[in-house]
Amino acid sequence: MAGTGRNLVLVASMLALLALAALLAPSALWACVAAAVLGLAGVVLLRGNGWRTGALLVAALALSLAALDVFAGLLTPAAHGSGLVRRTEPRWWPPPHPVLGFRPKPDSQVVNTATYGRDTVFHQTYHFDADGARVTPQAPPGAAVYLFLGDSFMFGQGLPDDQSLAALFAKANDYKVRAVNLGVPGNAPNQLVRAFEAGLLDGYIAQPVKAVVVWIIPAQLARVTGEGSWLGSSPRYELADGKLVHTGSFDEYRWSHPIAGIKRLLGEHFTFVDAIGRQQRQEQQIELFVAMMARLQAFARDKFKAPLVVVCSWPDETSKPGHGSSPFAQPILVDVLARLRKLGIALISVDQTVKGHPVSALLIPHDGHPTALTNQLVANELKRRLNGP
């Protein structure tokens, strides 16, 4: 009996140490290693064959999980911006939004710093106007309006306000047009569709909107099903009879479907769990993504009588094998663009637009977002497509 009490105290102490390790560990992998070490310690310290066998099983299970995660990690491309540390002031930014999940606060500013080791990659202050759009150059009254939607690529992460694609498009047009930068870091196409559906862009209906411009990257494919720790409160969609249906937020869905919620939670911490059912999930993501682009095209046409123009940082038929580091097979990504073309969506290839310039001048080091040069080249091409030389 005394031995049982001693064992219970030891187990409770080990569980407390494991909980502390899980909080302090940089990843679930290290938490598994800690569990394995504590399990082996239990084999030595606990009394009784049953207790020791249990401790050995815990150690074996933890080591198996760690080994599976390491193996799956070797097969998974490195995450975009791996090794880069980003900070914002205020810390929790963008702030919550009841419709889109998150969105910049009107008449505000945020300081964004990125470091790689001891080096500062960028230190920028972003400013937002009364509509929550990132500040762009003023235009004369009655000027043509262009809406720029998307994620951090469209937003111009790491660059000053006047070097975003929208700002440089205004500059390319001699500041005679109004370019509205509604890009938000971390956005999925879900936010863009929901913004139209919820009437958040209706304030522009009475204005002379000439085009809706969206910037797409392969990473957005995973976001349409909420694969991103920041997307829980974001709008969720599914396809019903080929039509997009808004079902609430991802968090709401996961609470009402606990098995899906648990799998998503485990997938965020263990690469091998995330790999389960990946092919079927990718097929679903492709269909959702294409449907969302078609819906955006219809919204641009119906609300503004304007075209949807898609800027693509994306492999196409001319790209060399091994383009980028997407978990999607390159032929699948190429096929997505082919499907967008069949919808009649105008595409602007970033790769084709910046051809001949060194990569070091086109992407922010260690970060991968476009530099001002890339944005300027795309802005010039966008002007040519929309307004002529």
Protein backbone atom coordinates (compact mmCIF):
# COMPACT_ATOMS: atom_id res chain seq x y z
CA MET A 1 0.00 0.00 0.00
CA ALA A 2 2.85 2.32 0.89
CA GLY A 3 4.44 1.48 -2.47
CA THR A 4 1.24 2.40 -4.29
CA GLY A 5 1.11 5.77 -2.53
CA ARG A 6 4.73 6.41 -3.45
CA ASN A 7 4.04 5.50 -7.06
CA LEU A 8 1.03 7.82 -7.22
CA VAL A 9 3.11 10.72 -5.89
CA LEU A 10 5.84 10.00 -8.45
CA VAL A 11 3.33 9.76 -11.32
CA ALA A 12 1.65 13.02 -10.28
CA SER A 13 5.07 14.73 -10.11
CA MET A 14 5.99 13.38 -13.55
CA LEU A 15 2.68 14.56 -15.03
CA ALA A 16 3.29 18.01 -13.57
CA LEU A 17 6.79 18.04 -15.10
CA LEU A 18 5.34 16.89 -18.44
CA ALA A 19 2.73 19.66 -18.38
CA LEU A 20 5.49 22.19 -17.68
CA ALA A 21 7.61 20.76 -20.50
CA ALA A 22 4.64 20.96 -22.90
CA LEU A 23 4.22 24.64 -22.06
CA LEU A 24 7.90 25.47 -22.44
CA ALA A 25 8.82 23.16 -25.33
CA PRO A 26 9.19 24.87 -28.74
CA SER A 27 7.20 22.09 -30.42
CA ALA A 28 5.17 18.96 -29.77
CA LEU A 29 8.21 16.92 -30.81
CA TRP A 30 10.17 18.10 -27.78
CA ALA A 31 7.17 17.46 -25.54
CA CYS A 32 7.20 13.85 -26.80
CA VAL A 33 10.91 13.58 -26.03
CA ALA A 34 10.25 14.87 -22.51
CA ALA A 35 7.46 12.29 -22.09
CA ALA A 36 9.82 9.53 -23.23
CA VAL A 37 12.51 10.60 -20.74
CA LEU A 38 9.97 10.74 -17.90
CA GLY A 39 8.62 7.33 -18.94
CA LEU A 40 12.09 5.82 -18.78
CA ALA A 41 12.61 7.48 -15.40
CA GLY A 42 9.40 5.81 -14.28
CA VAL A 43 10.79 2.41 -15.28
CA VAL A 44 13.67 3.00 -12.84
CA LEU A 45 11.84 4.79 -10.01
CA LEU A 46 8.42 3.12 -9.84
CA ARG A 47 7.89 -0.04 -7.82
CA GLY A 48 6.02 -3.04 -9.14
CA ASN A 49 6.11 -4.72 -12.54
CA GLY A 50 2.73 -3.32 -13.60
CA TRP A 51 3.78 0.28 -12.91
CA ARG A 52 7.13 -0.20 -14.65
CA THR A 53 5.48 -1.82 -17.68
CA GLY A 54 3.07 1.08 -17.92
CA ALA A 55 5.95 3.58 -17.75
CA LEU A 56 7.79 1.65 -20.47
CA LEU A 57 4.72 1.72 -22.71
CA VAL A 58 4.41 5.49 -22.23
CA ALA A 59 8.08 5.93 -23.18
CA ALA A 60 7.68 3.71 -26.26
CA LEU A 61 4.54 5.53 -27.38
CA ALA A 62 6.17 8.95 -26.93
CA LEU A 63 9.27 7.88 -28.87
CA SER A 64 7.07 6.45 -31.65
CA LEU A 65 5.17 9.71 -31.95
CA ALA A 66 8.44 11.67 -32.04
CA ALA A 67 9.91 9.37 -34.71
CA LEU A 68 6.77 9.59 -36.86
CA ASP A 69 6.75 13.37 -36.60
CA VAL A 70 10.44 13.63 -37.54
CA PHE A 71 9.94 11.33 -40.54
CA ALA A 72 6.84 13.23 -41.72
CA GLY A 73 8.69 16.52 -41.25
CA LEU A 74 11.47 15.34 -43.57
CA LEU A 75 8.90 14.76 -46.30
CA THR A 76 7.15 18.11 -45.80
CA PRO A 77 8.49 21.31 -47.45
CA ALA A 78 9.82 23.97 -45.10
CA ALA A 79 7.20 26.49 -44.07
CA HIS A 80 7.18 29.89 -45.77
CA GLY A 81 9.39 32.25 -43.75
CA SER A 82 10.87 29.44 -41.64
CA GLY A 83 13.36 30.81 -39.11
CA LEU A 84 11.99 34.34 -39.30
CA VAL A 85 10.62 35.89 -36.10
CA ARG A 86 7.85 38.45 -36.62
CA ARG A 87 6.51 40.82 -33.99
CA THR A 88 3.80 43.45 -34.08
CA GLU A 89 2.89 46.30 -31.77
CA PRO A 90 0.11 45.94 -30.71
CA ARG A 91 0.90 42.27 -30.20
CA TRP A 92 -2.50 40.83 -31.13
CA TRP A 93 -2.89 42.11 -34.66
CA PRO A 94 -4.94 42.17 -36.83
CA PRO A 95 -7.66 42.58 -34.17
CA PRO A 96 -10.84 40.43 -34.13
CA HIS A 97 -13.68 41.25 -36.51
CA PRO A 98 -17.22 39.84 -36.07
CA VAL A 99 -17.69 39.00 -39.77
CA LEU A 100 -14.24 38.27 -41.20
CA GLY A 101 -12.52 36.89 -38.10
CA PHE A 102 -9.85 39.60 -38.13
CA ARG A 103 -9.34 42.93 -39.85
CA PRO A 104 -7.28 46.13 -39.28
CA LYS A 105 -8.95 48.72 -37.08
CA PRO A 106 -9.92 51.98 -38.85
CA ASP A 107 -7.73 55.04 -38.19
CA SER A 108 -4.95 53.00 -36.60
CA GLN A 109 -1.36 52.01 -37.09
CA VAL A 110 0.81 48.99 -36.31
CA VAL A 111 4.57 48.48 -36.09
CA ASN A 112 5.83 45.24 -37.65
CA THR A 113 9.37 43.96 -37.03
CA ALA A 114 10.96 40.83 -38.50
CA THR A 115 14.29 39.39 -37.38
CA TYR A 116 16.39 36.50 -38.60
CA GLY A 117 18.91 35.53 -35.96
CA ARG A 118 20.50 38.80 -34.91
CA ASP A 119 19.63 40.58 -38.15
CA THR A 120 16.64 42.89 -38.55
CA VAL A 121 14.97 42.02 -41.84
CA PHE A 122 12.46 44.89 -41.70
CA HIS A 123 10.94 47.37 -39.26
CA GLN A 124 7.88 49.10 -40.70
CA THR A 125 4.89 51.10 -39.51
CA TYR A 126 1.63 50.45 -41.33
CA HIS A 127 -1.12 53.11 -41.36
CA PHE A 128 -4.85 52.56 -41.90
CA ASP A 129 -7.55 54.99 -43.02
CA ALA A 130 -11.12 55.48 -41.80
CA ASP A 131 -12.27 52.38 -43.73
CA GLY A 132 -9.57 50.13 -42.29
CA ALA A 133 -7.73 50.06 -45.64
CA ARG A 134 -3.98 50.51 -45.71
CA VAL A 135 -3.10 54.09 -46.60
CA THR A 136 -2.43 54.79 -50.28
CA PRO A 137 -1.84 58.09 -52.15
CA GLN A 138 -4.80 60.46 -52.33
CA ALA A 139 -6.61 60.81 -55.64
CA PRO A 140 -8.58 63.69 -57.14
CA PRO A 141 -12.38 63.73 -56.60
CA GLY A 142 -14.27 61.40 -58.93
CA ALA A 143 -11.14 59.43 -59.84
CA ALA A 144 -11.45 55.85 -61.06
CA VAL A 145 -11.34 53.34 -58.20
CA TYR A 146 -9.42 50.05 -58.11
CA LEU A 147 -9.97 47.61 -55.23
CA PHE A 148 -6.97 45.51 -54.20
CA LEU A 149 -7.86 42.41 -52.14
CA GLY A 150 -5.75 39.61 -50.73
CA ASP A 151 -3.32 38.61 -48.02
CA SER A 152 0.16 39.81 -46.99
CA PHE A 153 1.38 39.84 -50.61
CA MET A 154 -1.28 42.35 -51.59
CA PHE A 155 -0.96 44.17 -48.27
CA GLY A 156 2.76 44.78 -48.82
CA GLN A 157 4.11 43.14 -45.68
CA GLY A 158 7.59 44.35 -44.80
CA LEU A 159 7.30 47.47 -46.97
CA PRO A 160 6.34 51.11 -46.28
CA ASP A 161 2.80 52.22 -47.13
CA ASP A 162 3.88 53.79 -50.42
CA GLN A 163 5.51 50.58 -51.73
CA SER A 164 2.51 48.25 -51.71
CA LEU A 165 1.16 47.14 -55.09
CA ALA A 166 -1.88 49.42 -54.71
CA ALA A 167 0.25 52.47 -53.87
CA LEU A 168 2.65 51.84 -56.75
CA PHE A 169 -0.27 51.31 -59.15
CA ALA A 170 -1.53 54.77 -58.17
CA LYS A 171 1.96 56.13 -58.78
CA ALA A 172 2.17 54.40 -62.19
CA ASN A 173 -1.05 56.23 -63.10
CA ASP A 174 0.36 59.62 -62.05
CA TYR A 175 -1.81 59.57 -58.91
CA LYS A 176 -4.93 60.11 -61.03
CA VAL A 177 -6.64 56.93 -59.78
CA ARG A 178 -7.71 55.80 -56.33
CA ALA A 179 -6.14 52.48 -55.39
CA VAL A 180 -7.73 50.98 -52.25
CA ASN A 181 -5.47 48.50 -50.43
CA LEU A 182 -7.78 46.06 -48.61
CA GLY A 183 -5.14 43.34 -48.29
CA VAL A 184 -4.77 41.79 -44.81
CA PRO A 185 -1.90 39.50 -43.72
CA GLY A 186 -3.16 35.96 -43.22
CA ASN A 187 -6.32 36.39 -45.29
CA ALA A 188 -7.82 33.40 -47.04
CA PRO A 189 -10.07 33.73 -50.11
CA ASN A 190 -12.84 33.06 -47.57
CA GLN A 191 -12.51 36.58 -46.18
CA LEU A 192 -12.74 38.11 -49.64
CA VAL A 193 -15.92 36.23 -50.54
CA ARG A 194 -17.48 36.94 -47.15
CA ALA A 195 -16.67 40.66 -47.38
CA PHE A 196 -18.74 40.82 -50.58
CA GLU A 197 -21.56 38.64 -49.19
CA ALA A 198 -21.85 40.65 -45.97
CA GLY A 199 -21.97 43.97 -47.83
CA LEU A 200 -18.68 45.23 -46.42
CA LEU A 201 -17.72 46.50 -49.89
CA ASP A 202 -21.09 47.98 -50.79
CA GLY A 203 -19.82 51.46 -49.94
CA TYR A 204 -17.90 51.37 -53.23
CA ILE A 205 -20.94 50.55 -55.40
CA ALA A 206 -21.74 54.20 -56.06
CA GLN A 207 -18.09 54.87 -56.98
CA PRO A 208 -16.47 54.34 -60.41
CA VAL A 209 -14.82 50.97 -59.66
CA LYS A 210 -12.85 49.90 -62.72
CA ALA A 211 -11.38 46.60 -61.49
CA VAL A 212 -11.09 44.26 -58.51
CA VAL A 213 -7.53 42.96 -58.19
CA VAL A 214 -6.65 39.85 -56.16
CA TRP A 215 -3.18 38.38 -55.51
CA ILE A 216 -3.05 34.58 -55.12
CA ILE A 217 -0.32 32.27 -53.82
CA PRO A 218 -0.42 28.45 -53.39
CA ALA A 219 -0.40 28.79 -49.58
CA GLN A 220 -3.95 30.13 -49.81
CA LEU A 221 -5.22 26.70 -50.91
CA ALA A 222 -4.78 25.24 -47.42
CA ARG A 223 -6.39 28.28 -45.84
CA VAL A 224 -9.76 27.70 -47.52
CA THR A 225 -10.26 24.76 -45.13
CA GLY A 226 -8.89 26.64 -42.14
CA GLU A 227 -5.39 25.16 -42.05
CA GLY A 228 -3.75 27.95 -40.10
CA SER A 229 -3.75 28.49 -36.34
CA TRP A 230 -4.97 32.07 -36.84
CA LEU A 231 -8.01 31.13 -38.95
CA GLY A 232 -10.32 29.67 -36.28
CA SER A 233 -12.68 32.66 -36.23
CA SER A 234 -12.59 33.05 -40.02
CA PRO A 235 -15.62 32.27 -42.23
CA ARG A 236 -15.94 28.65 -43.29
CA TYR A 237 -17.44 27.48 -46.60
CA GLU A 238 -18.39 24.17 -48.11
CA LEU A 239 -19.70 23.15 -51.50
CA ALA A 240 -23.33 22.00 -51.72
CA ASP A 241 -24.47 20.96 -55.21
CA GLY A 242 -21.53 22.93 -56.63
CA LYS A 243 -22.46 26.14 -54.79
CA LEU A 244 -20.53 27.87 -52.02
CA VAL A 245 -22.37 27.83 -48.69
CA HIS A 246 -21.24 29.83 -45.67
CA THR A 247 -21.48 27.63 -42.53
CA GLY A 248 -20.21 29.99 -39.82
CA SER A 249 -16.64 30.04 -38.55
CA PHE A 250 -14.11 27.21 -38.46
CA ASP A 251 -14.21 27.23 -34.65
CA GLU A 252 -17.98 26.86 -34.64
CA TYR A 253 -17.76 23.93 -37.03
CA ARG A 254 -15.05 22.18 -34.98
CA TRP A 255 -17.01 22.54 -31.74
CA SER A 256 -20.08 21.02 -33.38
CA HIS A 257 -17.95 18.32 -35.08
CA PRO A 258 -15.52 17.31 -32.29
CA ILE A 259 -13.76 14.55 -34.24
CA ALA A 260 -12.81 17.02 -36.97
CA GLY A 261 -11.79 19.51 -34.29
CA ILE A 262 -9.55 17.02 -32.48
CA LYS A 263 -7.90 15.92 -35.72
CA ARG A 264 -7.23 19.55 -36.66
CA LEU A 265 -5.77 20.24 -33.20
CA LEU A 266 -3.47 17.21 -33.39
CA GLY A 267 -2.56 18.08 -36.99
CA GLU A 268 -1.32 21.50 -35.89
CA HIS A 269 1.17 19.83 -33.55
CA PHE A 270 2.08 16.58 -35.32
CA THR A 271 3.09 16.55 -38.98
CA PHE A 272 2.23 12.87 -39.45
CA VAL A 273 -1.34 13.45 -38.21
CA ASP A 274 -1.70 16.37 -40.60
CA ALA A 275 -0.59 14.06 -43.45
CA ILE A 276 -3.53 11.68 -42.88
CA GLY A 277 -6.09 12.17 -45.64
CA ARG A 278 -4.01 14.92 -47.25
CA GLN A 279 -4.82 13.94 -50.84
CA GLN A 280 -8.59 14.05 -50.27
CA ARG A 281 -8.21 17.31 -48.38
CA GLN A 282 -6.19 18.85 -51.20
CA GLU A 283 -8.85 17.86 -53.72
CA GLN A 284 -11.45 19.58 -51.53
CA GLN A 285 -9.26 22.67 -51.21
CA ILE A 286 -8.80 22.93 -54.97
CA GLU A 287 -12.55 22.78 -55.61
CA LEU A 288 -13.28 25.35 -52.90
CA PHE A 289 -10.55 27.67 -54.13
CA VAL A 290 -11.73 27.64 -57.75
CA ALA A 291 -15.34 28.14 -56.63
CA MET A 292 -14.27 31.12 -54.54
CA MET A 293 -12.44 32.71 -57.46
CA ALA A 294 -15.54 32.23 -59.62
CA ARG A 295 -17.67 33.81 -56.88
CA LEU A 296 -15.34 36.79 -56.64
CA GLN A 297 -15.52 37.22 -60.41
CA ALA A 298 -19.33 37.22 -60.23
CA PHE A 299 -19.35 39.73 -57.35
CA ALA A 300 -17.00 42.10 -59.22
CA ARG A 301 -19.20 41.90 -62.29
CA ASP A 302 -22.57 42.13 -60.54
CA LYS A 303 -21.77 44.79 -57.95
CA PHE A 304 -19.34 46.98 -59.87
CA LYS A 305 -19.63 45.88 -63.52
CA ALA A 306 -15.86 45.50 -63.30
CA PRO A 307 -13.45 42.68 -64.17
CA LEU A 308 -11.66 40.49 -61.66
CA VAL A 309 -7.91 40.55 -62.30
CA VAL A 310 -5.79 37.91 -60.55
CA VAL A 311 -2.09 38.46 -59.90
CA CYS A 312 -0.41 35.04 -59.58
CA SER A 313 2.70 34.15 -57.62
CA TRP A 314 2.06 30.64 -58.88
CA PRO A 315 3.66 28.07 -61.21
CA ASP A 316 2.25 27.91 -64.72
CA GLU A 317 2.93 25.91 -67.89
CA THR A 318 6.25 27.69 -68.42
CA SER A 319 7.61 27.11 -64.90
CA LYS A 320 10.54 24.79 -64.35
CA PRO A 321 10.01 21.63 -62.25
CA GLY A 322 10.39 22.21 -58.52
CA HIS A 323 8.91 25.70 -58.60
CA GLY A 324 8.37 26.89 -55.01
CA SER A 325 7.82 24.67 -51.98
CA SER A 326 4.09 23.99 -52.00
CA PRO A 327 2.84 20.62 -50.66
CA PHE A 328 0.62 20.51 -53.77
CA ALA A 329 2.08 18.74 -56.80
CA GLN A 330 3.11 21.26 -59.43
CA PRO A 331 0.85 19.82 -62.21
CA ILE A 332 -2.12 20.30 -59.88
CA LEU A 333 -1.22 23.95 -59.35
CA VAL A 334 -0.80 24.50 -63.09
CA ASP A 335 -4.24 22.97 -63.66
CA VAL A 336 -5.78 25.47 -61.21
CA LEU A 337 -4.63 28.35 -63.41
CA ALA A 338 -6.02 26.58 -66.47
CA ARG A 339 -9.40 26.36 -64.74
CA LEU A 340 -9.31 30.05 -63.84
CA ARG A 341 -8.58 30.93 -67.47
CA LYS A 342 -11.61 28.87 -68.56
CA LEU A 343 -13.70 31.07 -66.28
CA GLY A 344 -12.50 34.07 -68.26
CA ILE A 345 -10.49 35.50 -65.35
CA ALA A 346 -7.59 37.72 -66.42
CA LEU A 347 -4.31 36.43 -64.98
CA ILE A 348 -1.04 38.30 -64.50
CA SER A 349 1.93 36.02 -63.86
CA VAL A 350 4.42 37.54 -61.44
CA ASP A 351 7.14 35.18 -62.69
CA GLN A 352 6.68 36.34 -66.28
CA THR A 353 6.46 39.99 -65.24
CA VAL A 354 9.72 40.02 -63.26
CA LYS A 355 11.69 37.78 -65.64
CA GLY A 356 15.33 38.86 -66.03
CA HIS A 357 15.69 40.30 -62.53
CA PRO A 358 17.68 38.49 -59.82
CA VAL A 359 15.63 36.76 -57.13
CA SER A 360 17.58 38.65 -54.46
CA ALA A 361 16.07 41.90 -55.75
CA LEU A 362 12.53 40.53 -56.00
CA LEU A 363 11.94 38.95 -52.57
CA ILE A 364 12.60 40.26 -49.06
CA PRO A 365 15.52 38.17 -47.68
CA HIS A 366 14.52 35.30 -45.33
CA ASP A 367 10.91 36.46 -45.60
CA GLY A 368 9.84 35.77 -49.18
CA HIS A 369 7.37 38.61 -49.60
CA PRO A 370 7.66 40.82 -52.70
CA THR A 371 10.03 43.77 -52.66
CA ALA A 372 9.15 47.24 -53.93
CA LEU A 373 10.76 46.32 -57.26
CA THR A 374 8.42 43.34 -57.72
CA ASN A 375 5.42 45.46 -56.84
CA GLN A 376 6.51 48.20 -59.24
CA LEU A 377 6.92 45.75 -62.12
CA VAL A 378 3.52 44.18 -61.42
CA ALA A 379 1.94 47.64 -61.09
CA ASN A 380 3.31 48.62 -64.50
CA GLU A 381 1.96 45.44 -66.07
CA LEU A 382 -1.38 45.92 -64.36
CA LYS A 383 -1.59 49.47 -65.73
CA ARG A 384 -0.78 48.19 -69.23
CA ARG A 385 -3.48 45.52 -69.03
CA LEU A 386 -6.18 47.80 -67.64
CA ASN A 387 -5.42 51.20 -69.10
CA GLY A 388 -3.08 50.68 -72.03
CA PRO A 389 0.54 51.99 -72.31
